[in-house]
Amino acid sequence: MPLPPPIAKKEPTIHPYHWLKDTSRSGKRKDIEVHLQAEEAYAQEQFAGISALADIIYKEALAKDLESDQGVPYYKGNYYYYRLYGKGDQYSLYCRRFESMYASEQVYFNPNLFTEYKTVIVKQVAVSPSGKLLAYVMDTAGDEKYAMYFKNLETGKLLFDLITGSSEEVVWGNDDSLYMSQDDLLA
């Protein structure tokens, strides 16, 4: 007998399914975990008949994957910026070249290096107008609580300035000053 689809309870609030977002910071809530396990069991049952076909399609897609692919470059300041998609990488590399696409390539941000985290969600990567500083916003827990990190692009060194509870957006001023407001959810 097939499993019935799990029906999430609704709470009488503006967002009736808000209870599915665990904001407790204390770990996993049992009621959420039970519901998600029921959804997973239902999905597995629904797709059981096509799992062999899905494997074939996945393998075909991997076989056609290029060794690498490059995004369309754009010119800003004195640099051409683009993203490079490498085979086997989970995330694209952020690259730039000084004044010409024939200049040597600088990988200024590589999210694939953050292997110490189980989850890496990069929300924004932004180079300052002078091209000397990088700010990037990441969530390394999957809880939509972001931290903003900084890197000196001339030396390649991470700066020890870190803004926790930051918004998802980086806004640079023309003089490399940083404009930001606290995320409404964290205020």
Protein backbone atom coordinates (compact mmCIF):
# COMPACT_ATOMS: atom_id res chain seq x y z
CA MET A 1 0.00 0.00 0.00
CA PRO A 2 1.53 3.35 -0.99
CA LEU A 3 2.43 5.90 1.64
CA PRO A 4 0.07 8.86 1.85
CA PRO A 5 1.76 12.22 1.33
CA PRO A 6 2.69 13.82 4.67
CA ILE A 7 0.62 16.87 5.51
CA ALA A 8 2.40 19.54 7.53
CA LYS A 9 0.39 21.01 10.35
CA LYS A 10 -0.65 24.64 9.93
CA GLU A 11 -0.42 27.18 12.68
CA PRO A 12 -2.86 30.11 12.82
CA THR A 13 -0.25 32.77 11.98
CA ILE A 14 0.65 34.89 8.97
CA HIS A 15 3.06 32.13 7.88
CA PRO A 16 1.32 28.85 8.78
CA TYR A 17 4.41 26.74 8.05
CA HIS A 18 6.88 28.96 9.92
CA TRP A 19 7.15 26.28 12.60
CA LEU A 20 9.25 24.26 10.09
CA LYS A 21 12.06 26.79 10.45
CA ASP A 22 14.17 25.83 13.46
CA THR A 23 15.26 29.05 15.12
CA SER A 24 16.02 27.45 18.49
CA ARG A 25 19.83 27.31 17.91
CA SER A 26 19.82 24.36 20.32
CA GLY A 27 19.99 21.72 17.62
CA LYS A 28 17.34 19.67 15.94
CA ARG A 29 13.70 19.93 16.93
CA LYS A 30 12.08 16.51 17.03
CA ASP A 31 8.76 17.61 15.47
CA ILE A 32 10.57 19.08 12.45
CA GLU A 33 12.81 16.04 12.12
CA VAL A 34 9.84 13.63 12.21
CA HIS A 35 7.99 15.60 9.51
CA LEU A 36 11.06 15.80 7.24
CA GLN A 37 11.69 12.07 7.60
CA ALA A 38 8.08 11.40 6.56
CA GLU A 39 8.51 13.67 3.52
CA GLU A 40 11.75 11.88 2.58
CA ALA A 41 10.13 8.43 2.86
CA TYR A 42 7.23 9.59 0.69
CA ALA A 43 9.57 11.06 -1.95
CA GLN A 44 11.70 7.90 -2.04
CA GLU A 45 8.61 5.79 -2.61
CA GLN A 46 7.27 8.09 -5.34
CA PHE A 47 10.56 8.06 -7.26
CA ALA A 48 11.46 4.40 -6.69
CA GLY A 49 10.25 3.39 -10.15
CA ILE A 50 12.48 5.84 -11.97
CA SER A 51 15.69 5.62 -9.91
CA ALA A 52 17.47 3.52 -12.58
CA LEU A 53 16.54 6.07 -15.27
CA ALA A 54 17.68 8.95 -13.03
CA ASP A 55 21.06 7.23 -12.58
CA ILE A 56 21.46 6.84 -16.36
CA ILE A 57 20.59 10.50 -16.99
CA TYR A 58 22.96 11.64 -14.23
CA LYS A 59 25.85 9.58 -15.67
CA GLU A 60 25.16 10.93 -19.19
CA ALA A 61 25.20 14.49 -17.89
CA LEU A 62 28.52 13.87 -16.11
CA ALA A 63 30.01 12.34 -19.25
CA LYS A 64 29.14 15.48 -21.25
CA ASP A 65 30.52 17.81 -18.60
CA LEU A 66 33.35 19.95 -19.90
CA GLU A 67 36.69 19.98 -18.12
CA SER A 68 35.94 23.58 -17.26
CA ASP A 69 33.72 26.39 -18.42
CA GLN A 70 34.09 30.13 -18.10
CA GLY A 71 31.39 32.70 -17.49
CA VAL A 72 31.14 35.84 -19.60
CA PRO A 73 33.73 38.38 -18.42
CA TYR A 74 32.80 41.94 -17.52
CA TYR A 75 35.09 44.94 -17.14
CA LYS A 76 35.08 46.92 -13.89
CA GLY A 77 37.79 49.29 -12.71
CA ASN A 78 41.00 47.93 -14.24
CA TYR A 79 39.98 44.27 -14.26
CA TYR A 80 38.04 41.75 -16.27
CA TYR A 81 35.97 39.68 -13.82
CA TYR A 82 34.48 36.25 -14.55
CA ARG A 83 33.65 32.94 -12.95
CA LEU A 84 35.35 29.68 -13.80
CA TYR A 85 33.50 26.41 -13.43
CA GLY A 86 35.93 23.53 -12.87
CA LYS A 87 35.16 19.86 -13.29
CA GLY A 88 34.64 18.25 -9.91
CA ASP A 89 34.35 21.56 -8.07
CA GLN A 90 31.20 22.15 -6.10
CA TYR A 91 31.44 25.93 -6.48
CA SER A 92 32.70 28.19 -9.23
CA LEU A 93 35.95 30.13 -8.84
CA TYR A 94 35.89 33.93 -8.85
CA CYS A 95 38.64 35.16 -11.18
CA ARG A 96 39.96 38.36 -12.66
CA ARG A 97 42.62 39.59 -15.07
CA PHE A 98 44.28 43.00 -15.02
CA GLU A 99 43.38 45.20 -18.03
CA SER A 100 43.33 42.34 -20.58
CA MET A 101 41.90 38.86 -20.91
CA TYR A 102 45.44 37.85 -21.96
CA ALA A 103 46.91 38.88 -18.59
CA SER A 104 47.63 36.29 -15.93
CA GLU A 105 44.63 34.95 -14.09
CA GLN A 106 44.04 35.74 -10.42
CA VAL A 107 41.63 33.51 -8.51
CA TYR A 108 40.53 35.96 -5.86
CA PHE A 109 37.87 33.80 -4.21
CA ASN A 110 37.58 30.01 -4.08
CA PRO A 111 34.62 28.72 -2.04
CA ASN A 112 35.83 25.14 -2.58
CA LEU A 113 38.54 25.74 0.04
CA PHE A 114 36.04 25.93 2.91
CA THR A 115 36.11 22.16 3.48
CA GLU A 116 35.97 22.49 7.27
CA TYR A 117 32.27 23.38 7.03
CA LYS A 118 29.51 20.90 6.27
CA THR A 119 27.44 23.68 4.67
CA VAL A 120 28.75 26.63 2.66
CA ILE A 121 26.26 29.11 1.26
CA VAL A 122 27.90 32.08 -0.44
CA LYS A 123 25.37 34.90 -0.73
CA GLN A 124 27.54 37.63 -2.22
CA VAL A 125 31.12 38.25 -3.32
CA ALA A 126 32.01 41.91 -3.91
CA VAL A 127 35.28 43.59 -4.83
CA SER A 128 35.75 47.18 -3.66
CA PRO A 129 35.88 49.98 -6.28
CA SER A 130 39.68 50.24 -5.95
CA GLY A 131 40.01 46.50 -6.60
CA LYS A 132 42.09 46.12 -3.43
CA LEU A 133 39.54 44.61 -1.03
CA LEU A 134 37.09 41.75 -1.16
CA ALA A 135 34.02 41.29 1.01
CA TYR A 136 32.06 38.06 0.93
CA VAL A 137 28.98 36.97 2.83
CA MET A 138 28.59 33.33 3.86
CA ASP A 139 26.39 31.06 5.91
CA THR A 140 28.37 28.07 7.19
CA ALA A 141 25.62 26.48 9.28
CA GLY A 142 22.62 26.54 6.94
CA ASP A 143 20.64 28.67 9.39
CA GLU A 144 20.48 31.82 7.23
CA LYS A 145 22.61 33.72 9.74
CA TYR A 146 25.34 35.36 7.72
CA ALA A 147 28.84 36.56 8.43
CA MET A 148 30.79 39.00 6.29
CA TYR A 149 34.49 38.31 5.74
CA PHE A 150 37.20 40.49 4.23
CA LYS A 151 40.32 39.82 2.19
CA ASN A 152 43.16 42.04 1.03
CA LEU A 153 43.44 41.27 -2.69
CA GLU A 154 46.91 42.80 -2.99
CA THR A 155 48.43 40.42 -0.43
CA GLY A 156 45.87 37.59 -0.62
CA LYS A 157 45.59 37.62 3.18
CA LEU A 158 42.32 37.36 5.05
CA LEU A 159 41.67 40.34 7.26
CA PHE A 160 40.64 39.67 10.81
CA ASP A 161 37.64 41.94 10.55
CA LEU A 162 34.49 39.84 10.64
CA ILE A 163 30.91 41.02 10.88
CA THR A 164 28.57 38.41 12.30
CA GLY A 165 24.82 38.80 11.94
CA SER A 166 25.34 40.78 8.75
CA SER A 167 22.85 41.30 5.99
CA GLU A 168 23.20 39.34 2.76
CA GLU A 169 24.25 42.38 0.76
CA VAL A 170 27.60 44.11 0.42
CA VAL A 171 27.50 47.76 -0.68
CA TRP A 172 30.83 49.46 -1.27
CA GLY A 173 31.19 53.24 -1.36
CA ASN A 174 33.41 54.84 -4.02
CA ASP A 175 36.15 55.37 -1.40
CA ASP A 176 36.15 51.65 -0.37
CA SER A 177 33.96 52.40 2.63
CA LEU A 178 31.36 49.78 3.42
CA TYR A 179 27.66 50.50 3.82
CA MET A 180 25.47 48.02 5.61
CA SER A 181 22.40 47.67 7.75
CA GLN A 182 21.55 44.93 10.17
CA ASP A 183 19.36 42.20 8.73
CA ASP A 184 15.74 42.73 9.75
CA LEU A 185 15.53 39.19 11.06
CA LEU A 186 18.43 39.73 13.46
CA ALA A 187 17.62 43.27 14.56
